Protein backbone atom coordinates (compact mmCIF):
# COMPACT_ATOMS: atom_id res chain seq x y z
CA MET A 1 0.01 0.19 0.07
CA LYS A 2 2.81 2.29 1.02
CA LEU A 3 4.47 1.41 -2.47
CA GLN A 4 1.66 2.44 -4.40
CA THR A 5 0.92 5.41 -2.67
CA THR A 6 4.57 6.62 -3.35
CA PHE A 7 4.09 5.79 -6.83
CA GLY A 8 0.71 7.50 -7.15
CA ALA A 9 2.36 10.70 -5.77
CA LEU A 10 5.67 10.74 -7.95
CA SER A 11 3.21 9.91 -10.96
CA SER A 12 1.15 13.10 -10.05
CA PHE A 13 4.54 15.23 -9.34
CA LEU A 14 6.15 14.27 -12.59
CA MET A 15 2.77 15.06 -14.63
CA ALA A 16 2.75 18.52 -13.05
CA VAL A 17 6.16 19.07 -13.79
CA LEU A 18 5.46 18.41 -17.67
CA VAL A 19 2.09 20.48 -17.74
CA LEU A 20 4.08 23.41 -16.38
CA CYS A 21 7.18 23.15 -18.71
CA PHE A 22 4.46 22.87 -21.43
CA CYS A 23 2.48 26.10 -20.16
CA THR A 24 5.92 27.90 -19.85
CA LEU A 25 6.53 27.75 -23.49
CA SER A 26 5.58 30.96 -25.43
CA PRO A 27 3.00 30.48 -27.86
CA VAL A 28 5.51 29.91 -30.97
CA GLU A 29 7.64 27.51 -29.27
CA ALA A 30 4.66 25.38 -28.44
CA GLN A 31 3.47 25.43 -31.79
CA THR A 32 6.55 24.53 -33.21
CA THR A 33 6.85 21.37 -30.84
CA ILE A 34 3.71 20.41 -31.80
CA THR A 35 4.47 20.61 -35.81
CA SER A 36 8.34 20.45 -36.06
CA SER A 37 7.99 16.74 -37.30
CA THR A 38 5.30 16.87 -39.81
CA TYR A 39 5.52 20.15 -41.60
CA PRO A 40 4.30 20.32 -44.38
CA ASN A 41 1.75 17.69 -44.24
CA ARG A 42 -0.74 19.62 -46.67
CA PRO A 43 -0.94 22.02 -49.74
CA ILE A 44 0.25 25.47 -48.94
CA ARG A 45 -0.87 28.59 -50.45
CA LEU A 46 1.19 31.11 -51.44
CA VAL A 47 -0.09 34.59 -52.07
CA VAL A 48 0.99 36.69 -54.88
CA PRO A 49 -0.20 40.42 -55.01
CA TYR A 50 0.25 40.83 -58.58
CA PRO A 51 -1.19 39.08 -61.84
CA ALA A 52 0.15 36.04 -63.40
CA GLY A 53 2.90 36.62 -65.74
CA THR A 54 4.43 39.54 -63.68
CA VAL A 55 8.23 39.17 -62.76
CA PRO A 56 7.27 38.09 -59.15
CA ASP A 57 4.74 35.88 -60.21
CA VAL A 58 7.24 34.03 -62.68
CA MET A 59 10.02 33.82 -60.26
CA ILE A 60 8.44 32.35 -57.75
CA ARG A 61 6.91 29.81 -59.33
CA ILE A 62 10.26 28.90 -60.80
CA LEU A 63 11.75 28.84 -57.24
CA THR A 64 8.79 27.04 -55.55
CA GLN A 65 8.80 23.98 -58.12
CA PRO A 66 11.94 22.28 -56.96
CA LEU A 67 10.58 22.55 -53.14
CA SER A 68 7.28 21.24 -53.84
CA GLN A 69 9.00 18.46 -55.27
CA LEU A 70 11.08 18.04 -52.42
CA TRP A 71 8.06 18.13 -49.69
CA ASP A 72 5.88 16.12 -51.94
CA LYS A 73 3.30 18.46 -51.33
CA PRO A 74 1.53 21.45 -53.96
CA ILE A 75 2.34 24.75 -53.46
CA VAL A 76 -0.67 26.83 -54.82
CA VAL A 77 0.05 30.29 -56.37
CA ASP A 78 -3.13 32.56 -55.59
CA ASN A 79 -2.72 35.81 -57.54
CA ARG A 80 -4.68 38.60 -55.78
CA ALA A 81 -3.64 41.61 -57.67
CA GLY A 82 -5.08 45.53 -56.66
CA ALA A 83 -4.61 48.55 -54.69
CA ASN A 84 -0.53 48.45 -55.45
CA GLY A 85 -0.18 45.20 -54.31
CA ASN A 86 -2.01 45.69 -50.61
CA ILE A 87 -5.11 43.55 -51.32
CA GLY A 88 -3.12 40.39 -51.75
CA ILE A 89 -0.88 41.08 -48.80
CA ASP A 90 -3.79 42.23 -46.65
CA ASN A 91 -5.58 38.81 -47.54
CA CYS A 92 -2.38 37.13 -46.33
CA ALA A 93 -1.62 39.06 -43.29
CA LYS A 94 -5.02 37.71 -41.98
CA SER A 95 -4.89 34.37 -42.71
CA PRO A 96 -4.15 31.67 -40.16
CA PRO A 97 -0.77 31.54 -38.76
CA ASP A 98 -0.28 28.07 -39.32
CA GLY A 99 2.61 27.99 -41.82
CA TYR A 100 -0.06 26.97 -44.55
CA THR A 101 -0.34 30.51 -46.16
CA ILE A 102 2.64 32.16 -47.16
CA CYS A 103 3.20 36.03 -48.80
CA LEU A 104 5.16 37.23 -51.31
CA PRO A 105 5.13 40.94 -50.95
CA THR A 106 7.72 43.17 -52.69
CA GLY A 107 9.72 46.42 -51.62
CA VAL A 108 7.07 48.45 -53.20
CA ILE A 109 4.34 46.93 -50.74
CA MET A 110 6.70 46.82 -47.82
CA SER A 111 8.81 50.07 -48.03
CA LEU A 112 6.76 52.64 -50.12
CA ASN A 113 2.91 51.64 -49.71
CA PRO A 114 3.12 52.77 -46.01
CA TYR A 115 4.46 56.34 -46.98
CA ALA A 116 2.19 56.76 -49.82
CA TYR A 117 -1.55 55.43 -48.35
CA ALA A 118 -3.06 57.30 -45.38
CA ARG A 119 -4.03 54.06 -44.12
CA MET A 120 -2.56 50.71 -44.42
CA PRO A 121 -5.20 47.55 -44.14
CA PHE A 122 -2.09 45.93 -42.36
CA ASP A 123 0.98 46.73 -40.85
CA PRO A 124 4.09 45.33 -42.69
CA LEU A 125 6.27 45.71 -39.51
CA GLU A 126 4.12 42.75 -37.96
CA LEU A 127 4.66 39.84 -40.66
CA VAL A 128 7.52 37.29 -40.29
CA PRO A 129 10.58 37.45 -42.22
CA VAL A 130 11.55 34.31 -44.13
CA ILE A 131 14.20 35.04 -46.76
CA HIS A 132 15.11 37.80 -49.49
CA ILE A 133 14.61 36.24 -52.51
CA GLY A 134 16.25 39.11 -54.60
CA THR A 135 16.40 42.92 -56.06
CA LEU A 136 15.00 43.71 -59.29
CA ASP A 137 17.88 45.73 -61.13
CA GLN A 138 17.22 48.41 -63.46
CA ALA A 139 18.43 50.04 -66.65
CA ILE A 140 18.06 53.53 -67.50
CA ALA A 141 18.21 54.06 -71.33
CA VAL A 142 16.93 56.89 -73.89
CA ASN A 143 16.36 56.85 -77.35
CA ALA A 144 19.40 56.31 -79.67
CA ASN A 145 18.81 59.86 -81.38
CA VAL A 146 18.84 61.45 -77.92
CA PRO A 147 21.90 63.61 -77.65
CA VAL A 148 23.49 62.21 -74.67
CA ASN A 149 25.80 59.15 -73.47
CA SER A 150 25.59 59.38 -69.79
CA ILE A 151 23.64 60.31 -66.82
CA LYS A 152 25.26 63.59 -66.30
CA GLU A 153 24.66 64.45 -69.91
CA LEU A 154 21.13 63.56 -69.44
CA VAL A 155 20.86 65.70 -66.85
CA ASP A 156 22.36 68.89 -68.50
CA TYR A 157 20.32 67.88 -71.75
CA ALA A 158 17.14 68.26 -69.42
CA LYS A 159 18.24 71.44 -67.78
CA SER A 160 18.47 73.13 -71.17
CA LYS A 161 15.10 71.93 -72.12
CA PRO A 162 12.92 72.59 -68.82
CA GLY A 163 10.07 69.73 -68.87
CA SER A 164 10.27 68.91 -72.35
CA VAL A 165 12.49 65.89 -71.96
CA SER A 166 10.03 62.85 -71.54
CA TRP A 167 10.53 60.17 -69.19
CA GLY A 168 8.33 57.03 -69.16
CA SER A 169 7.20 55.03 -66.16
CA LEU A 170 4.51 52.38 -65.32
CA GLY A 171 2.97 55.29 -63.17
CA MET A 172 3.11 57.27 -59.78
CA GLY A 173 5.48 55.54 -57.24
CA SER A 174 6.85 53.07 -59.83
CA THR A 175 10.66 52.89 -59.85
CA ALA A 176 11.04 54.92 -62.74
CA HIS A 177 9.16 57.71 -61.61
CA LEU A 178 10.69 57.96 -58.44
CA TYR A 179 14.20 57.84 -60.20
CA MET A 180 12.99 60.92 -62.32
CA GLU A 181 11.74 62.69 -59.23
CA TRP A 182 15.35 62.11 -57.21
CA LEU A 183 17.05 63.35 -60.32
CA HIS A 184 14.95 66.72 -59.98
CA ALA A 185 15.40 67.00 -56.45
CA LYS A 186 19.10 66.62 -56.58
CA THR A 187 20.13 68.27 -59.68
CA GLY A 188 17.43 70.51 -60.58
CA ALA A 189 16.63 68.84 -64.10
CA THR A 190 13.01 68.87 -64.97
CA PHE A 191 11.62 65.82 -66.75
CA LEU A 192 8.34 65.55 -68.29
CA HIS A 193 6.64 62.47 -66.91
CA VAL A 194 4.89 60.27 -69.17
CA PRO A 195 2.97 57.21 -67.48
CA TYR A 196 2.11 54.10 -69.45
CA LYS A 197 0.17 50.72 -68.96
CA SER A 198 2.97 48.20 -69.49
CA SER A 199 6.66 47.68 -69.74
CA THR A 200 6.30 46.87 -73.27
CA ASP A 201 4.40 50.02 -74.14
CA VAL A 202 7.38 52.17 -72.62
CA VAL A 203 9.83 50.15 -74.53
CA LEU A 204 8.34 50.61 -77.75
CA ALA A 205 7.72 54.08 -77.46
CA VAL A 206 11.22 54.87 -76.76
CA VAL A 207 12.27 52.62 -79.65
CA ALA A 208 9.92 54.85 -81.73
CA GLY A 209 10.89 57.85 -80.53
CA ASP A 210 7.94 58.64 -79.06
CA LEU A 211 9.25 59.04 -75.58
CA ASN A 212 12.97 59.98 -74.64
CA ALA A 213 14.08 58.13 -71.62
CA LEU A 214 12.93 55.37 -69.52
CA THR A 215 13.65 53.22 -66.38
CA LEU A 216 12.88 49.14 -66.62
CA THR A 217 14.32 45.96 -66.34
CA PRO A 218 17.48 45.28 -68.08
CA SER A 219 16.21 42.04 -69.83
CA LEU A 220 13.58 44.02 -71.73
CA VAL A 221 15.96 46.70 -72.91
CA GLU A 222 18.97 44.33 -73.91
CA PRO A 223 17.54 43.40 -77.44
CA TYR A 224 17.34 47.29 -78.39
CA MET A 225 20.56 47.89 -76.92
CA LYS A 226 22.37 45.52 -79.06
CA SER A 227 20.22 46.39 -82.18
CA GLY A 228 21.20 50.15 -81.92
CA LYS A 229 17.95 51.79 -81.22
CA VAL A 230 18.28 52.63 -77.51
CA LYS A 231 21.28 53.93 -75.38
CA VAL A 232 21.86 52.53 -71.79
CA LEU A 233 23.07 55.14 -69.91
CA ALA A 234 22.96 53.28 -66.43
CA VAL A 235 22.30 50.36 -64.73
CA VAL A 236 21.02 50.36 -60.96
CA SER A 237 22.63 47.29 -59.66
CA GLY A 238 24.21 48.03 -56.51
CA LYS A 239 27.90 48.24 -56.89
CA LYS A 240 28.48 45.55 -59.60
CA ARG A 241 27.93 45.85 -63.03
CA LEU A 242 25.44 43.53 -64.81
CA SER A 243 27.42 40.68 -66.45
CA SER A 244 24.72 40.66 -69.67
CA MET A 245 25.58 44.60 -69.91
CA PRO A 246 29.50 44.60 -68.80
CA ASP A 247 30.34 47.94 -70.38
CA VAL A 248 27.62 49.99 -68.90
CA PRO A 249 28.05 51.69 -65.73
CA THR A 250 26.20 51.53 -62.78
CA LEU A 251 24.42 54.49 -61.59
CA ALA A 252 26.68 54.80 -58.32
CA GLU A 253 30.04 55.02 -60.76
CA ALA A 254 28.21 57.87 -62.79
CA GLY A 255 28.19 59.85 -59.42
CA TYR A 256 24.74 59.16 -58.58
CA GLU A 257 24.01 57.37 -54.98
CA LEU A 258 20.56 56.02 -55.09
CA ASP A 259 20.31 52.52 -54.86
CA PHE A 260 16.34 52.06 -54.36
CA ARG A 261 15.37 48.71 -56.36
CA ASN A 262 12.06 46.97 -56.10
CA TRP A 263 12.57 43.62 -54.17
CA ILE A 264 10.77 40.06 -53.41
CA ALA A 265 10.65 38.59 -50.37
CA LEU A 266 8.93 35.53 -48.45
CA TYR A 267 6.97 36.48 -45.22
CA PHE A 268 4.68 34.55 -43.02
CA PRO A 269 1.54 36.09 -41.22
CA ARG A 270 2.34 37.38 -37.46
CA GLY A 271 1.80 34.55 -35.24
CA THR A 272 3.01 31.80 -37.29
CA PRO A 273 5.54 29.29 -35.46
CA ALA A 274 9.38 29.03 -36.18
CA GLU A 275 9.28 25.53 -37.85
CA PRO A 276 7.81 26.82 -40.84
CA VAL A 277 10.15 29.90 -41.55
CA LYS A 278 12.87 27.34 -40.87
CA ALA A 279 11.84 25.17 -43.69
CA TRP A 280 11.14 27.51 -45.93
CA ASN A 281 14.26 29.42 -45.41
CA THR A 282 16.44 26.37 -45.14
CA GLU A 283 15.40 24.70 -48.42
CA LEU A 284 15.11 28.03 -50.55
CA ASN A 285 18.73 28.74 -49.76
CA LYS A 286 20.04 25.41 -50.73
CA ILE A 287 18.22 26.17 -53.97
CA MET A 288 19.50 29.30 -54.40
CA ALA A 289 23.09 28.25 -53.65
CA ASP A 290 23.09 26.58 -57.31
CA PRO A 291 24.97 28.80 -59.50
CA ASN A 292 23.36 26.90 -62.61
CA PHE A 293 20.05 27.55 -61.22
CA ILE A 294 20.55 31.53 -60.65
CA SER A 295 22.03 31.80 -64.13
CA LYS A 296 19.16 29.75 -65.89
CA ASN A 297 16.22 31.75 -63.80
CA PHE A 298 17.53 34.66 -62.21
CA VAL A 299 19.79 36.34 -64.90
CA PRO A 300 17.09 36.48 -67.22
CA GLN A 301 14.66 38.25 -65.05
CA SER A 302 17.23 40.53 -64.27
CA ILE A 303 17.10 39.50 -60.48
CA THR A 304 20.24 39.71 -58.22
CA PRO A 305 19.45 36.87 -55.91
CA ALA A 306 19.95 37.71 -52.03
CA GLY A 307 19.11 34.73 -49.63
CA GLY A 308 20.27 34.52 -46.16
CA THR A 309 18.43 34.74 -42.62
CA PRO A 310 15.32 36.22 -41.68
CA GLU A 311 17.32 38.82 -39.68
CA ASP A 312 19.21 39.63 -42.76
CA LEU A 313 15.56 40.43 -44.55
CA LEU A 314 14.72 42.30 -41.47
CA SER A 315 17.40 44.51 -41.40
CA PHE A 316 17.52 44.92 -45.43
CA ALA A 317 13.58 45.82 -45.19
CA ARG A 318 14.29 48.45 -42.51
CA ALA A 319 17.08 50.21 -44.37
CA ASN A 320 14.94 50.01 -47.67
CA ARG A 321 12.15 51.52 -45.60
CA GLN A 322 14.05 54.77 -44.91
CA THR A 323 15.03 55.32 -48.64
CA ALA A 324 11.48 54.73 -49.21
CA ALA A 325 10.49 57.33 -46.96
CA GLU A 326 12.57 59.88 -48.39
CA LEU A 327 11.33 59.41 -52.09
CA ALA A 328 7.84 59.15 -51.08
CA LYS A 329 8.40 62.96 -49.47
CA ILE A 330 10.19 64.03 -52.50
CA ALA A 331 7.69 62.69 -55.08
CA ASN A 332 4.82 63.84 -52.99
CA LEU A 333 3.12 60.38 -53.40
CA LYS A 334 -0.51 60.14 -51.99
CA PHE A 335 -2.29 56.68 -53.46
CA ASP A 336 -5.35 57.55 -51.87
């Protein structure tokens, strides 16, 4: 009898200790403990806040294909465009934080929209960073008949013809529009902003001579540079020149210190446990470490790969947000 009593007391004590230990775990730690050995065990929804066929959409489909094969689970792309990307990411941010809905915001959504909209439907700072996929390089080009061969000459040319040198973009707040406004603020050169509906429309307008200048993805401009129909004055690609345009200087080399490129990254809704974050980050870093994969898929899209830890993405996004705040003020952006 005494032995049974002692054993019963010991069992009760051990059970109390186990309960206490579990309860002292944070919600993230507790949920991770439950799901760590099973993730993923069902299809994953990936919210892309832009239409099918856009660069972020194409890139993430390519990147997640080997991941889907590895996990033997479908990764279903859900395109939800509108409001400069806010509609899709708002839907994703408010989804259950169980690791089965993941968001693909861009730098515009995370960094620029908070300063351009009076009210955001979600807080970008509350999303859980997963991995920085890459930055979208840019090329600043002019029609072949425009009498300039450098950014400085373009600025001087615009100063000599105030408000008449046309610069095409995809609308207010686009990268092209922001660079045009930044050059105006820093140099005093005034350009004529001409918005277009598509990148193809912008390129063809410059090629035809209906438009003087543009800022677009280098891969879209490169064929016309090679045929002599446009001149690429500079690329926005950080401190390194593009391998596809080795003779074209970077904007930094040209003496203009602005490196604001759109970027794409993966985030989870607030409260998502650590295990899905680790799983996505680990496997995507492995995929992006393959130089053949990068040369085949990233280079043609004019994307400079990033990778790294969630903390790296957090640090990068903070710095980018500061630059975006300055540009939004310079361009007087108001989307609503």
